[in-house]
Amino acid sequence: MYDTAKLDEVVLALLHLNSFTDHGTTRAWKGFDWDSLDRLHARGLISEPRSTAKSVVLSDDGARVASELFAKHFGGTA
């Protein structure tokens, strides 16, 4: 079994990498592991990943944490 907490950190960091601003909202393409996206949604970091949209909305906390985790795991900023 793998460490789901570590996986979720990396997925959130990668959401930061492909994030973009759309009308003042931070969105990211959601092409990642569904279970991880569901856990991030349950923590209030992203919007419902199982919607028909091709992207998820990052909450303010989600965008902040995603940026911090990107720097932690990959160095620098995207």
Protein backbone atom coordinates (compact mmCIF):
# COMPACT_ATOMS: atom_id res chain seq x y z
CA MET A 1 0.00 0.00 0.00
CA TYR A 2 1.18 3.55 -0.59
CA ASP A 3 1.02 6.62 1.62
CA THR A 4 -2.18 8.41 0.55
CA ALA A 5 -1.26 11.57 2.48
CA LYS A 6 1.95 11.93 0.48
CA LEU A 7 0.10 11.21 -2.77
CA ASP A 8 -2.48 13.88 -1.92
CA GLU A 9 0.32 16.40 -1.25
CA VAL A 10 1.88 15.76 -4.63
CA VAL A 11 -1.47 15.84 -6.45
CA LEU A 12 -2.31 19.17 -4.81
CA ALA A 13 1.16 20.49 -5.74
CA LEU A 14 0.61 19.41 -9.35
CA LEU A 15 -2.81 21.05 -9.35
CA HIS A 16 -0.92 24.25 -8.54
CA LEU A 17 1.40 23.63 -11.50
CA ASN A 18 -1.49 23.51 -13.97
CA SER A 19 -3.70 26.08 -12.23
CA PHE A 20 -5.04 29.19 -13.94
CA THR A 21 -7.20 32.14 -12.97
CA ASP A 22 -10.66 32.34 -14.51
CA HIS A 23 -12.71 35.42 -13.58
CA GLY A 24 -10.90 35.71 -10.23
CA THR A 25 -11.23 32.00 -9.42
CA THR A 26 -8.27 29.61 -9.30
CA ARG A 27 -9.00 26.49 -11.34
CA ALA A 28 -6.89 23.47 -12.30
CA TRP A 29 -7.32 20.65 -14.79
CA LYS A 30 -8.40 17.54 -12.93
CA GLY A 31 -6.57 14.71 -14.70
CA PHE A 32 -5.42 12.99 -11.50
CA ASP A 33 -6.31 10.00 -9.33
CA TRP A 34 -10.03 10.16 -8.46
CA ASP A 35 -9.56 8.88 -4.90
CA SER A 36 -7.00 11.58 -4.19
CA LEU A 37 -9.23 14.28 -5.70
CA ASP A 38 -12.12 13.02 -3.55
CA ARG A 39 -9.96 13.28 -0.42
CA LEU A 40 -8.87 16.82 -1.33
CA HIS A 41 -12.52 17.74 -1.86
CA ALA A 42 -13.47 16.25 1.53
CA ARG A 43 -10.81 18.50 3.12
CA GLY A 44 -12.35 21.57 1.45
CA LEU A 45 -9.32 22.26 -0.74
CA ILE A 46 -11.04 21.78 -4.12
CA SER A 47 -14.55 21.75 -5.54
CA GLU A 48 -16.47 18.56 -6.37
CA PRO A 49 -14.17 16.67 -8.76
CA ARG A 50 -16.89 14.41 -10.17
CA SER A 51 -18.75 17.25 -11.88
CA THR A 52 -18.87 17.39 -15.67
CA ALA A 53 -16.38 20.28 -15.72
CA LYS A 54 -12.87 19.46 -16.89
CA SER A 55 -11.36 21.48 -14.05
CA VAL A 56 -11.81 21.93 -10.32
CA VAL A 57 -11.89 25.15 -8.33
CA LEU A 58 -9.25 25.52 -5.63
CA SER A 59 -10.52 27.15 -2.46
CA ASP A 60 -8.44 30.05 -1.13
CA ASP A 61 -6.85 27.65 1.37
CA GLY A 62 -6.43 25.05 -1.37
CA ALA A 63 -4.59 27.49 -3.64
CA ARG A 64 -2.33 28.63 -0.79
CA VAL A 65 -1.50 25.09 0.36
CA ALA A 66 -1.00 23.93 -3.24
CA SER A 67 1.55 26.71 -3.79
CA GLU A 68 3.37 25.83 -0.56
CA LEU A 69 3.43 22.12 -1.43
CA PHE A 70 4.72 22.84 -4.93
CA ALA A 71 7.64 24.77 -3.41
CA LYS A 72 8.21 21.99 -0.86
CA HIS A 73 8.29 19.13 -3.35
CA PHE A 74 9.67 20.81 -6.47
CA GLY A 75 11.36 24.01 -5.29
CA GLY A 76 10.54 27.55 -6.35
CA THR A 77 7.24 28.66 -7.80
CA ALA A 78 5.36 27.73 -10.93
